Amino acid sequence: MSMLSDIEIAQSATLIPIDVLANTLGFSAREYEPYGRDKAKVSLASGKNPAGKLVLVTATSGTPAGSGKTTVSVALAQGLKYLGESAALALREPSLGPCFGMKGGAAGGGYAQLLPMEAINLHFTGDFHAITSANNLIAAMLDNVRHHAQTDLETVFWRRVLDVNDRSLRHMVTGLGGPAHGIPADTGFDITAASEIMAVLCLAEDEADLRRRLDDLLLGLRSDGTPFYARELGITGALMALLLDAFKPNLVQSLEGNAAFVHGGPFANIAHGCNSVRATRAALSCADWAITEAGFGADLGAEKFFNIKCRQSALAPAVTVLVTSLKALKWHGGVDLAACSQANPAALTAGLPNLHRHLANLAGFGQRVVVALNRFAGDSEDEMAMVAQACRAAGTAGFAVCDGFAKGGEGAVDLARAVMAAGQEKVPAVRFSYPADATLSEKLDALSRQLYGGAGVTLSPEAEDDLARLQAWGLDRLPVCVAKTPYSFSHDPALRGAPEGFVLPVARLLPNTGAGFVVALAGKVLRMPGLPRSPQAYHIDVEDGRICGLA
């Protein structure tokens, strides 16, 4: 195995010039705008036919070290290409928060990466900055109309965002210093990945749909308790201008030359966790196989992919790939993270129920599932055989060890073949977790019992008040987007494996009317992360004009 770091591998690669890649994909000069030599914005003609087969990549429950979904996604696309198949990627954009925080970048790893790796992980084409600016323009304009007494807006729901991990911004009072400086308000910041603007950009089908969704943003309450929407603020045109370029999917490539549409970046633990519908359709329009990904475990990202993204867009995967690893299963079997690399069949056995519950859940969505075991150096052959046997016993559509990190597409050939075999059958219809017309309480109860293994839901007094308002406004039939820990099926990160019988405590129910769902904050989840004791920012630098230490 190569001892080169991720960034050294990326910087030593030879990129296909972006105009050559775009032309190879069949894009006309009017359908893409180069952003330098290695990336482009794409505006596909309305007649493009999204005829490819969609493959969703998800994972067993998360660990503090991540699951390797992006690496496996990139490896799978490269593996299909290695076999002569046409395969493109549709993935989320990384956030600067984790990049400088605990998990590092999110462009894959080893020999299964996206290029240009540094740009994708840092400023890229400025989409996150545009979303941040649009979000904060709304906040500034709300404060301005209140300052000038141009509205009877009494309660403001809308919060500011930044693309950082900064716990000090979670709760604050703005407008201090007297009347000249505004009206004091209890508020705070979320991370940009949790902004409703991010969700709106990812779910909108076209510019008209984007405008409608921006108009429908619920910003606060008037003095009589009636809702105040963004259309009443009169700045939808300005928001459209800020988001015009950001709304166009970004075209880049994998290490082995696959097209990759990287666009939108909502986190799955605090938002809906899926890349943009437009990027997914772009990948489907230019390849026989389109590989997409939903964040964190299948109880978070995949659940929202099916119940929110598929319901709104009518997209449906031909195959779902469930990524797991010996490390992840042993961690969910009760082993400390530092010891997960050691052989421990007992811990692996104890962690297998997590895999089985995810398999059962995905079957409940009507999916054909191929399990990808993400291989790490030093993994035990005997333990890998244990996982393979467990998958065979569960009746999965396929199982393969993925060695894409070390070997690129060649290391994912077995996975690619398993996906191709499973994908030859008719695309299965998505089965949703709840009827569209179910109440919010019924939807939350269905997720708790059917997906998480829980015994129902309790609402805090604040959530009860939220629910009463939503009922009064006729918004209590929207889909629900649960924000909870990624480390457990439950709300408690200490409950690893496949816990049962817990009651999911919901602290708040926040209407995201532009996105078309209600965010349910469960447990102690926060929408502005903090930094760990030793952030990744300590390791990133520039030497001789080149970025180093990014991983």
Protein backbone atom coordinates (compact mmCIF):
# COMPACT_ATOMS: atom_id res chain seq x y z
CA MET A 1 0.00 0.00 0.00
CA SER A 2 1.19 3.50 -0.80
CA MET A 3 2.46 5.58 2.14
CA LEU A 4 1.48 8.80 0.41
CA SER A 5 -1.08 10.99 2.17
CA ASP A 6 -4.45 11.72 0.59
CA ILE A 7 -3.38 15.18 -0.51
CA GLU A 8 -0.07 13.89 -1.91
CA ILE A 9 -1.95 11.32 -3.99
CA ALA A 10 -4.35 14.00 -5.21
CA GLN A 11 -1.61 16.49 -6.08
CA SER A 12 0.35 13.88 -8.04
CA ALA A 13 -2.62 12.97 -10.25
CA THR A 14 -3.08 14.12 -13.83
CA LEU A 15 -6.43 15.80 -14.32
CA ILE A 16 -8.50 15.76 -17.47
CA PRO A 17 -8.98 19.41 -18.55
CA ILE A 18 -12.52 20.37 -17.57
CA ASP A 19 -13.53 21.36 -21.11
CA VAL A 20 -12.36 17.97 -22.41
CA LEU A 21 -14.35 16.19 -19.69
CA ALA A 22 -17.46 18.26 -20.36
CA ASN A 23 -17.24 17.66 -24.10
CA THR A 24 -16.74 13.93 -23.54
CA LEU A 25 -19.96 13.93 -21.52
CA GLY A 26 -21.77 15.53 -24.44
CA PHE A 27 -22.26 18.98 -22.91
CA SER A 28 -22.49 21.87 -25.33
CA ALA A 29 -20.50 25.04 -24.71
CA ARG A 30 -23.69 26.70 -23.43
CA GLU A 31 -24.23 23.96 -20.82
CA TYR A 32 -21.07 24.47 -18.77
CA GLU A 33 -18.99 27.37 -17.47
CA PRO A 34 -15.35 26.56 -16.62
CA TYR A 35 -14.13 27.66 -13.19
CA GLY A 36 -10.46 27.43 -14.02
CA ARG A 37 -8.94 24.31 -15.61
CA ASP A 38 -10.34 21.70 -13.23
CA LYS A 39 -13.97 22.48 -12.38
CA ALA A 40 -17.09 23.90 -14.00
CA LYS A 41 -20.65 24.97 -13.33
CA VAL A 42 -23.24 23.02 -15.31
CA SER A 43 -26.59 24.23 -16.69
CA LEU A 44 -28.10 21.28 -18.51
CA ALA A 45 -30.61 21.82 -21.29
CA SER A 46 -34.15 20.90 -20.30
CA GLY A 47 -34.23 18.13 -22.90
CA LYS A 48 -31.46 16.06 -21.30
CA ASN A 49 -32.82 12.61 -20.54
CA PRO A 50 -31.86 11.22 -17.10
CA ALA A 51 -31.81 7.62 -18.33
CA GLY A 52 -29.10 6.13 -16.08
CA LYS A 53 -29.64 3.81 -13.12
CA LEU A 54 -29.37 5.40 -9.69
CA VAL A 55 -27.30 3.75 -6.94
CA LEU A 56 -27.64 5.05 -3.38
CA VAL A 57 -24.67 4.58 -1.04
CA THR A 58 -25.46 4.65 2.68
CA ALA A 59 -23.92 3.06 5.78
CA THR A 60 -24.39 1.35 9.09
CA SER A 61 -24.48 3.66 12.11
CA GLY A 62 -21.66 6.16 12.37
CA THR A 63 -18.52 6.27 14.46
CA PRO A 64 -16.42 9.28 15.50
CA ALA A 65 -13.97 8.35 12.70
CA GLY A 66 -16.61 8.27 9.94
CA SER A 67 -17.86 5.39 7.78
CA GLY A 68 -15.96 5.73 4.51
CA LYS A 69 -19.10 6.21 2.38
CA THR A 70 -17.55 8.81 0.09
CA THR A 71 -14.44 6.70 -0.45
CA VAL A 72 -16.60 3.68 -1.30
CA SER A 73 -18.86 5.81 -3.54
CA VAL A 74 -15.88 7.07 -5.54
CA ALA A 75 -14.32 3.60 -5.62
CA LEU A 76 -17.56 2.08 -6.91
CA ALA A 77 -17.77 4.59 -9.76
CA GLN A 78 -14.12 3.90 -10.61
CA GLY A 79 -14.74 0.14 -10.37
CA LEU A 80 -17.62 0.38 -12.84
CA LYS A 81 -15.40 2.40 -15.18
CA TYR A 82 -12.62 -0.20 -14.78
CA LEU A 83 -15.14 -2.78 -16.09
CA GLY A 84 -15.98 -0.60 -19.08
CA GLU A 85 -19.22 0.82 -17.69
CA SER A 86 -20.25 4.48 -17.83
CA ALA A 87 -20.49 5.79 -14.25
CA ALA A 88 -20.83 9.28 -12.78
CA LEU A 89 -21.04 10.56 -9.21
CA ALA A 90 -23.49 12.94 -7.53
CA LEU A 91 -22.17 13.85 -4.08
CA ARG A 92 -22.42 16.55 -1.43
CA GLU A 93 -19.96 19.39 -1.02
CA PRO A 94 -17.76 19.30 2.09
CA SER A 95 -18.23 21.87 4.84
CA LEU A 96 -15.32 23.81 6.30
CA GLY A 97 -16.61 22.91 9.78
CA PRO A 98 -15.55 19.23 9.80
CA CYS A 99 -12.63 20.00 7.44
CA PHE A 100 -10.98 22.08 10.16
CA GLY A 101 -12.67 20.19 12.98
CA MET A 102 -12.69 16.48 13.82
CA LYS A 103 -13.41 14.45 10.67
CA GLY A 104 -11.32 16.29 8.10
CA GLY A 105 -12.26 16.64 4.43
CA ALA A 106 -14.97 14.80 2.54
CA ALA A 107 -13.67 14.14 -0.97
CA GLY A 108 -12.90 10.45 -0.50
CA GLY A 109 -9.49 9.07 0.38
CA GLY A 110 -6.45 7.20 -0.85
CA TYR A 111 -6.91 6.16 -4.48
CA ALA A 112 -10.66 6.77 -4.41
CA GLN A 113 -10.78 10.56 -4.31
CA LEU A 114 -12.37 13.52 -6.04
CA LEU A 115 -10.18 16.10 -7.74
CA PRO A 116 -9.18 18.90 -7.23
CA MET A 117 -9.25 17.68 -3.63
CA GLU A 118 -8.03 20.91 -2.00
CA ALA A 119 -10.52 23.14 -3.82
CA ILE A 120 -13.46 20.83 -3.15
CA ASN A 121 -12.67 20.74 0.57
CA LEU A 122 -12.04 24.48 0.91
CA HIS A 123 -13.74 27.34 -0.99
CA PHE A 124 -14.57 25.29 -4.13
CA THR A 125 -16.84 27.45 -6.33
CA GLY A 126 -18.19 29.52 -3.44
CA ASP A 127 -21.56 27.77 -3.06
CA PHE A 128 -21.39 27.62 0.74
CA HIS A 129 -20.44 31.30 0.86
CA ALA A 130 -23.41 32.22 -1.36
CA ILE A 131 -25.80 30.22 0.84
CA THR A 132 -24.32 31.85 3.95
CA SER A 133 -24.75 35.30 2.40
CA ALA A 134 -28.35 34.65 1.34
CA ASN A 135 -29.25 33.31 4.78
CA ASN A 136 -27.68 36.27 6.56
CA LEU A 137 -29.21 38.82 4.18
CA ILE A 138 -32.60 37.57 5.36
CA ALA A 139 -31.52 38.01 9.00
CA ALA A 140 -30.20 41.53 8.35
CA MET A 141 -33.35 42.57 6.47
CA LEU A 142 -35.58 41.21 9.24
CA ASP A 143 -33.69 43.26 11.80
CA ASN A 144 -33.85 46.29 9.52
CA VAL A 145 -37.64 46.27 8.99
CA ARG A 146 -38.11 45.90 12.74
CA HIS A 147 -35.67 48.74 13.46
CA HIS A 148 -37.57 51.05 11.08
CA ALA A 149 -40.97 49.86 12.37
CA GLN A 150 -41.94 48.73 8.85
CA THR A 151 -43.65 45.56 10.11
CA ASP A 152 -45.41 44.27 13.19
CA LEU A 153 -43.09 41.24 13.22
CA GLU A 154 -42.78 40.28 16.88
CA THR A 155 -41.04 36.89 16.99
CA VAL A 156 -38.16 35.96 14.67
CA PHE A 157 -37.40 32.27 14.02
CA TRP A 158 -34.65 32.88 11.46
CA ARG A 159 -31.06 32.46 12.70
CA ARG A 160 -27.75 33.47 11.15
CA VAL A 161 -25.27 30.86 9.86
CA LEU A 162 -21.54 30.45 9.29
CA ASP A 163 -19.61 27.55 7.76
CA VAL A 164 -17.53 26.93 10.89
CA ASN A 165 -17.64 24.84 14.04
CA ASP A 166 -18.01 27.47 16.77
CA ARG A 167 -19.85 26.59 19.98
CA SER A 168 -19.65 30.18 21.25
CA LEU A 169 -22.13 31.26 18.56
CA ARG A 170 -24.89 28.81 19.49
CA HIS A 171 -26.76 31.19 21.81
CA MET A 172 -26.42 34.97 21.95
CA VAL A 173 -28.22 38.27 22.28
CA THR A 174 -28.05 40.66 19.31
CA GLY A 175 -29.02 44.31 19.06
CA LEU A 176 -27.31 45.48 22.26
CA GLY A 177 -26.06 49.05 22.68
CA GLY A 178 -29.27 51.04 22.51
CA PRO A 179 -31.97 51.81 19.90
CA ALA A 180 -29.43 52.95 17.30
CA HIS A 181 -28.01 49.43 17.16
CA GLY A 182 -31.23 47.45 16.77
CA ILE A 183 -33.75 45.58 18.90
CA PRO A 184 -32.27 43.13 21.43
CA ALA A 185 -33.12 39.53 20.57
CA ASP A 186 -32.23 36.07 21.87
CA THR A 187 -30.83 34.24 18.85
CA GLY A 188 -27.71 32.45 17.64
CA PHE A 189 -25.90 30.87 14.72
CA ASP A 190 -26.29 27.48 13.03
CA ILE A 191 -23.69 26.00 10.71
CA THR A 192 -24.35 26.71 7.02
CA ALA A 193 -24.99 23.00 6.35
CA ALA A 194 -28.10 23.28 8.58
CA SER A 195 -29.53 26.36 6.85
CA GLU A 196 -32.93 25.96 5.24
CA ILE A 197 -31.44 27.80 2.26
CA MET A 198 -29.13 24.79 1.84
CA ALA A 199 -32.09 22.40 1.85
CA VAL A 200 -34.05 24.62 -0.56
CA LEU A 201 -31.13 24.74 -3.00
CA CYS A 202 -30.75 20.95 -2.84
CA LEU A 203 -34.44 20.12 -3.33
CA ALA A 204 -35.44 22.72 -5.96
CA GLU A 205 -35.94 21.36 -9.48
CA ASP A 206 -35.41 24.61 -11.40
CA GLU A 207 -35.22 28.39 -10.96
CA ALA A 208 -39.00 28.76 -10.73
CA ASP A 209 -39.13 26.11 -7.99
CA LEU A 210 -36.22 27.77 -6.18
CA ARG A 211 -38.04 31.13 -6.23
CA ARG A 212 -41.24 29.53 -4.92
CA ARG A 213 -39.39 27.81 -2.10
CA LEU A 214 -37.58 31.02 -1.10
CA ASP A 215 -40.93 32.84 -1.04
CA ASP A 216 -42.28 30.11 1.26
CA LEU A 217 -39.58 30.40 3.96
CA LEU A 218 -41.28 30.91 7.32
CA LEU A 219 -39.32 33.63 9.14
CA GLY A 220 -41.32 34.51 12.25
CA LEU A 221 -44.60 35.63 13.76
CA ARG A 222 -46.53 38.89 13.69
CA SER A 223 -47.88 40.39 16.89
CA ASP A 224 -51.21 38.62 16.31
CA GLY A 225 -49.46 35.22 16.09
CA THR A 226 -49.87 34.75 12.34
CA PRO A 227 -46.87 33.51 10.31
CA PHE A 228 -44.58 35.91 8.43
CA TYR A 229 -43.10 34.50 5.20
CA ALA A 230 -40.07 35.57 3.17
CA ARG A 231 -42.28 36.72 0.27
CA GLU A 232 -43.52 39.51 2.57
CA LEU A 233 -39.97 40.76 3.11
CA GLY A 234 -39.68 41.59 -0.60
CA ILE A 235 -36.13 40.36 -1.19
CA THR A 236 -36.68 37.08 -3.07
CA GLY A 237 -35.13 38.67 -6.17
CA ALA A 238 -32.00 39.58 -4.22
CA LEU A 239 -31.78 36.03 -2.83
CA MET A 240 -32.12 34.62 -6.35
CA ALA A 241 -29.25 36.86 -7.48
CA LEU A 242 -27.01 35.65 -4.65
CA LEU A 243 -27.85 32.00 -5.39
CA LEU A 244 -27.82 32.15 -9.21
CA ASP A 245 -24.38 30.56 -9.67
CA ALA A 246 -24.59 28.44 -6.51
CA PHE A 247 -27.74 26.78 -7.90
CA LYS A 248 -25.76 25.30 -10.81
CA PRO A 249 -24.18 21.89 -10.08
CA ASN A 250 -20.37 21.69 -9.97
CA LEU A 251 -18.58 19.32 -12.35
CA VAL A 252 -15.27 17.79 -11.23
CA GLN A 253 -13.75 14.31 -11.60
CA SER A 254 -12.55 11.27 -9.73
CA LEU A 255 -8.91 10.22 -9.58
CA GLU A 256 -9.60 7.85 -12.49
CA GLY A 257 -11.60 10.27 -14.63
CA ASN A 258 -15.23 9.68 -13.68
CA ALA A 259 -17.46 12.74 -13.91
CA ALA A 260 -18.53 13.92 -10.46
CA PHE A 261 -21.31 16.44 -9.79
CA VAL A 262 -20.58 17.81 -6.32
CA HIS A 263 -23.36 20.10 -5.18
CA GLY A 264 -25.06 21.05 -1.92
CA GLY A 265 -23.92 19.95 1.51
CA PRO A 266 -26.60 19.47 4.19
CA PHE A 267 -25.47 17.33 7.15
CA ALA A 268 -27.70 14.29 7.79
CA ASN A 269 -27.63 14.54 11.60
CA ILE A 270 -28.95 18.14 11.65
CA ALA A 271 -30.47 18.51 8.14
CA HIS A 272 -31.70 16.24 5.33
CA GLY A 273 -28.27 14.93 4.29
CA CYS A 274 -28.57 14.64 0.49
CA ASN A 275 -26.88 16.38 -2.44
CA SER A 276 -28.97 18.42 -4.87
CA VAL A 277 -31.71 16.94 -7.04
CA ARG A 278 -30.23 18.85 -10.00
CA ALA A 279 -26.80 17.23 -9.54
CA THR A 280 -28.38 13.79 -9.25
CA ARG A 281 -30.32 14.34 -12.46
CA ALA A 282 -27.15 15.62 -14.17
CA ALA A 283 -25.30 12.40 -13.27
CA LEU A 284 -28.24 10.30 -14.49
CA SER A 285 -28.26 12.20 -17.80
CA CYS A 286 -24.66 11.49 -18.76
CA ALA A 287 -23.90 7.96 -17.47
CA ASP A 288 -25.45 4.51 -17.32
CA TRP A 289 -24.81 4.42 -13.56
CA ALA A 290 -25.19 7.42 -11.23
CA ILE A 291 -23.71 6.92 -7.77
CA THR A 292 -25.08 9.16 -5.04
CA GLU A 293 -24.70 9.21 -1.27
CA ALA A 294 -26.74 10.10 1.81
CA GLY A 295 -24.96 11.26 4.95
CA PHE A 296 -24.15 9.29 8.11
CA GLY A 297 -26.01 6.02 8.73
CA ALA A 298 -29.08 4.76 6.90
CA ASP A 299 -31.28 5.75 9.86
CA LEU A 300 -30.42 9.39 9.07
CA GLY A 301 -29.32 10.08 5.49
CA ALA A 302 -31.00 7.18 3.70
CA GLU A 303 -34.26 7.61 5.62
CA LYS A 304 -34.40 11.25 4.50
CA PHE A 305 -33.30 10.34 0.99
CA PHE A 306 -36.34 8.09 0.66
CA ASN A 307 -38.96 9.94 2.72
CA ILE A 308 -38.02 13.47 1.62
CA LYS A 309 -35.86 13.54 -1.53
CA CYS A 310 -37.47 10.61 -3.35
CA ARG A 311 -40.98 11.64 -2.31
CA GLN A 312 -40.46 15.18 -3.63
CA SER A 313 -38.50 14.31 -6.80
CA ALA A 314 -39.79 10.82 -7.77
CA LEU A 315 -36.20 9.55 -7.91
CA ALA A 316 -35.74 5.85 -7.08
CA PRO A 317 -32.54 3.80 -6.68
CA ALA A 318 -32.03 0.63 -8.68
CA VAL A 319 -29.63 -0.59 -5.98
CA THR A 320 -28.72 0.57 -2.47
CA VAL A 321 -25.18 -0.07 -1.21
CA LEU A 322 -24.80 -0.36 2.57
CA VAL A 323 -21.23 0.46 3.62
CA THR A 324 -19.82 -1.00 6.79
CA SER A 325 -16.41 -1.88 8.21
CA LEU A 326 -14.95 -4.16 10.82
CA LYS A 327 -14.04 -1.06 12.82
CA ALA A 328 -17.56 0.31 12.75
CA LEU A 329 -19.16 -2.99 13.73
CA LYS A 330 -16.71 -3.56 16.58
CA TRP A 331 -17.28 0.00 17.82
CA HIS A 332 -21.01 -0.70 17.89
CA GLY A 333 -20.14 -3.95 19.65
CA GLY A 334 -18.82 -1.89 22.57
CA VAL A 335 -15.08 -1.55 21.85
CA ASP A 336 -13.28 1.76 22.28
CA LEU A 337 -12.38 3.42 19.01
CA ALA A 338 -8.64 3.04 19.60
CA ALA A 339 -9.02 -0.74 19.91
CA CYS A 340 -11.25 -1.27 16.88
CA SER A 341 -8.31 -2.14 14.62
CA GLN A 342 -7.48 -5.20 16.72
CA ALA A 343 -8.99 -8.61 15.96
CA ASN A 344 -11.96 -9.16 18.26
CA PRO A 345 -14.54 -11.65 16.95
CA ALA A 346 -16.67 -11.30 20.09
CA ALA A 347 -17.01 -7.53 19.64
CA LEU A 348 -17.72 -8.01 15.94
CA THR A 349 -20.49 -10.48 16.75
CA ALA A 350 -21.90 -8.02 19.29
CA GLY A 351 -21.93 -5.29 16.61
CA LEU A 352 -23.66 -7.32 13.89
CA PRO A 353 -27.18 -6.45 15.13
CA ASN A 354 -26.50 -2.88 13.95
CA LEU A 355 -25.89 -4.22 10.45
CA HIS A 356 -28.98 -6.43 10.59
CA ARG A 357 -31.28 -3.59 11.65
CA HIS A 358 -30.04 -1.40 8.80
CA LEU A 359 -30.58 -4.26 6.35
CA ALA A 360 -34.12 -4.76 7.65
CA ASN A 361 -34.84 -1.03 7.43
CA LEU A 362 -33.61 -0.80 3.83
CA ALA A 363 -35.70 -3.84 2.92
CA GLY A 364 -38.63 -1.96 4.43
CA PHE A 365 -38.00 0.83 1.92
CA GLY A 366 -38.29 -1.80 -0.82
CA GLN A 367 -34.57 -1.77 -1.63
CA ARG A 368 -32.23 -4.37 -3.10
CA VAL A 369 -29.15 -4.08 -0.90
CA VAL A 370 -25.52 -4.85 -1.65
CA VAL A 371 -23.23 -4.68 1.40
CA ALA A 372 -19.80 -3.15 0.88
CA LEU A 373 -17.24 -3.96 3.54
CA ASN A 374 -14.80 -1.03 3.48
CA ARG A 375 -11.42 -2.67 3.96
CA PHE A 376 -8.70 -1.20 6.17
CA ALA A 377 -5.06 -2.27 6.38
CA GLY A 378 -4.69 -5.12 8.86
CA ASP A 379 -8.32 -6.27 8.69
CA SER A 380 -8.71 -9.92 9.66
CA GLU A 381 -9.66 -12.32 6.86
CA ASP A 382 -11.58 -14.44 9.36
CA GLU A 383 -13.58 -11.45 10.56
CA MET A 384 -14.35 -10.34 7.02
CA ALA A 385 -15.63 -13.88 6.37
CA MET A 386 -17.89 -13.53 9.44
CA VAL A 387 -19.50 -10.40 7.95
CA ALA A 388 -19.88 -12.07 4.55
CA GLN A 389 -21.64 -15.03 6.17
CA ALA A 390 -23.95 -12.71 8.12
CA CYS A 391 -24.93 -10.95 4.88
CA ARG A 392 -25.57 -14.21 3.07
CA ALA A 393 -27.75 -15.37 5.95
CA ALA A 394 -29.69 -12.10 5.80
CA GLY A 395 -30.43 -12.64 2.09
CA THR A 396 -28.77 -9.52 0.75
CA ALA A 397 -28.57 -8.92 -2.99
CA GLY A 398 -24.79 -9.08 -2.78
CA PHE A 399 -21.69 -8.68 -0.63
CA ALA A 400 -18.21 -7.48 -1.56
CA VAL A 401 -15.07 -6.30 0.13
CA CYS A 402 -14.13 -2.85 -1.18
CA ASP A 403 -10.41 -2.09 -1.28
CA GLY A 404 -10.80 1.18 -3.13
CA PHE A 405 -8.76 3.27 -0.70
CA ALA A 406 -5.63 1.23 -1.47
CA LYS A 407 -6.32 0.13 -5.06
CA GLY A 408 -8.81 2.59 -6.56
CA GLY A 409 -11.22 1.20 -9.13
CA GLU A 410 -9.43 -2.13 -9.35
CA GLY A 411 -10.08 -2.63 -5.62
CA ALA A 412 -13.81 -2.07 -6.16
CA VAL A 413 -14.34 -4.45 -9.08
CA ASP A 414 -16.10 -7.07 -6.94
CA LEU A 415 -18.44 -4.41 -5.55
CA ALA A 416 -19.08 -3.06 -9.04
CA ARG A 417 -19.98 -6.53 -10.31
CA ALA A 418 -22.34 -7.09 -7.38
CA VAL A 419 -24.07 -3.75 -8.04
CA MET A 420 -24.35 -4.49 -11.77
CA ALA A 421 -25.90 -7.88 -11.06
CA ALA A 422 -28.42 -6.44 -8.59
CA GLY A 423 -29.22 -3.55 -10.92
CA GLN A 424 -30.30 -5.70 -13.85
CA GLU A 425 -33.75 -6.19 -12.39
CA LYS A 426 -36.59 -3.68 -12.58
CA VAL A 427 -36.09 -0.59 -10.41
CA PRO A 428 -38.02 -1.24 -7.18
CA ALA A 429 -40.67 1.23 -6.08
CA VAL A 430 -39.74 3.17 -2.95
CA ARG A 431 -41.88 2.28 0.05
CA PHE A 432 -42.13 5.22 2.43
CA SER A 433 -42.12 5.03 6.22
CA TYR A 434 -45.44 6.81 6.56
CA PRO A 435 -48.35 8.05 4.42
CA ALA A 436 -48.02 11.59 3.12
CA ASP A 437 -51.19 12.64 4.95
CA ALA A 438 -50.16 11.25 8.36
CA THR A 439 -49.80 13.79 11.16
CA LEU A 440 -46.41 14.84 12.46
CA SER A 441 -46.98 12.84 15.63
CA GLU A 442 -47.79 9.75 13.58
CA LYS A 443 -44.74 10.24 11.39
CA LEU A 444 -42.41 10.64 14.36
CA ASP A 445 -43.91 7.57 16.02
CA ALA A 446 -43.44 5.54 12.82
CA LEU A 447 -39.76 6.52 12.57
CA SER A 448 -39.13 5.79 16.25
CA ARG A 449 -40.76 2.36 16.18
CA GLN A 450 -40.11 1.15 12.62
CA LEU A 451 -36.64 2.60 11.91
CA TYR A 452 -34.96 3.19 15.25
CA GLY A 453 -36.31 0.30 17.35
CA GLY A 454 -37.79 2.69 19.90
CA ALA A 455 -41.03 2.75 21.84
CA GLY A 456 -42.48 6.00 20.61
CA VAL A 457 -41.84 9.70 21.10
CA THR A 458 -42.23 12.32 23.82
CA LEU A 459 -42.52 16.05 23.13
CA SER A 460 -41.05 18.72 25.37
CA PRO A 461 -43.36 21.59 26.41
CA GLU A 462 -41.70 23.73 23.72
CA ALA A 463 -42.28 21.03 21.11
CA GLU A 464 -45.92 20.76 22.22
CA ASP A 465 -46.30 24.50 21.61
CA ASP A 466 -44.58 24.12 18.23
CA LEU A 467 -46.97 21.34 17.28
CA ALA A 468 -50.01 23.40 18.28
CA ARG A 469 -48.84 26.26 16.04
CA LEU A 470 -48.15 23.91 13.13
CA GLN A 471 -51.63 22.43 13.51
CA ALA A 472 -53.18 25.90 13.58
CA TRP A 473 -51.32 26.83 10.38
CA GLY A 474 -52.17 23.57 8.60
CA LEU A 475 -48.50 22.49 8.50
CA ASP A 476 -48.73 19.35 10.66
CA ARG A 477 -48.82 17.01 7.62
CA LEU A 478 -45.37 17.90 6.28
CA PRO A 479 -42.66 15.21 6.17
CA VAL A 480 -40.38 15.15 9.19
CA CYS A 481 -36.59 15.57 9.21
CA VAL A 482 -35.20 14.17 12.47
CA ALA A 483 -32.03 15.80 13.79
CA LYS A 484 -30.30 13.43 16.20
CA THR A 485 -26.96 11.87 17.05
CA PRO A 486 -25.35 9.92 14.18
CA TYR A 487 -23.76 7.45 16.60
CA SER A 488 -26.89 5.58 17.63
CA PHE A 489 -30.31 4.57 16.36
CA SER A 490 -31.54 6.44 19.42
CA HIS A 491 -31.06 10.03 20.62
CA ASP A 492 -28.27 8.92 22.99
CA PRO A 493 -24.79 8.38 21.47
CA ALA A 494 -23.94 5.98 24.29
CA LEU A 495 -26.60 3.50 23.11
CA ARG A 496 -24.58 1.72 20.42
CA GLY A 497 -25.47 -1.37 18.43
CA ALA A 498 -29.22 -1.89 18.00
CA PRO A 499 -30.90 -0.49 21.13
CA GLU A 500 -34.59 -1.12 21.77
CA GLY A 501 -37.36 0.22 23.97
CA PHE A 502 -36.12 3.80 24.34
CA VAL A 503 -38.46 6.76 23.92
CA LEU A 504 -37.26 9.42 21.51
CA PRO A 505 -37.39 12.84 23.22
CA VAL A 506 -38.17 15.67 20.78
CA ALA A 507 -37.11 19.10 22.04
CA ARG A 508 -38.42 21.29 19.20
CA LEU A 509 -40.40 21.08 15.95
CA LEU A 510 -39.07 23.70 13.51
CA PRO A 511 -41.02 24.37 10.29
CA ASN A 512 -38.89 24.49 7.13
CA THR A 513 -41.74 25.42 4.82
CA GLY A 514 -39.51 26.31 1.87
CA ALA A 515 -37.80 22.92 2.02
CA GLY A 516 -41.13 21.22 2.61
CA PHE A 517 -40.49 19.48 5.94
CA VAL A 518 -40.42 19.98 9.70
CA VAL A 519 -37.12 19.56 11.57
CA ALA A 520 -37.52 17.57 14.80
CA LEU A 521 -34.64 18.22 17.20
CA ALA A 522 -34.21 15.00 19.20
CA GLY A 523 -32.17 14.66 22.36
CA LYS A 524 -29.32 17.10 22.83
CA VAL A 525 -28.49 17.60 19.15
CA LEU A 526 -27.12 21.05 18.26
CA ARG A 527 -27.12 22.68 14.83
CA MET A 528 -23.81 24.47 15.44
CA PRO A 529 -21.03 21.93 16.15
CA GLY A 530 -18.03 22.66 18.35
CA LEU A 531 -14.35 21.95 17.80
CA PRO A 532 -12.57 18.98 19.44
CA ARG A 533 -9.56 19.35 21.71
CA SER A 534 -7.19 18.79 18.79
CA PRO A 535 -8.85 20.13 15.61
CA GLN A 536 -7.66 19.24 12.12
CA ALA A 537 -6.85 22.94 11.67
CA TYR A 538 -3.60 22.34 13.58
CA HIS A 539 -2.32 20.12 10.75
CA ILE A 540 -3.15 22.22 7.66
CA ASP A 541 -0.55 24.56 6.17
CA VAL A 542 0.92 25.92 2.95
CA GLU A 543 4.43 25.00 1.82
CA ASP A 544 6.02 26.35 -1.36
CA GLY A 545 2.64 27.60 -2.52
CA ARG A 546 0.88 24.25 -2.08
CA ILE A 547 -1.62 23.24 0.60
CA CYS A 548 -0.51 20.37 2.82
CA GLY A 549 -1.97 18.47 5.76
CA LEU A 550 -5.50 18.39 4.37
CA ALA A 551 -7.08 14.95 4.82
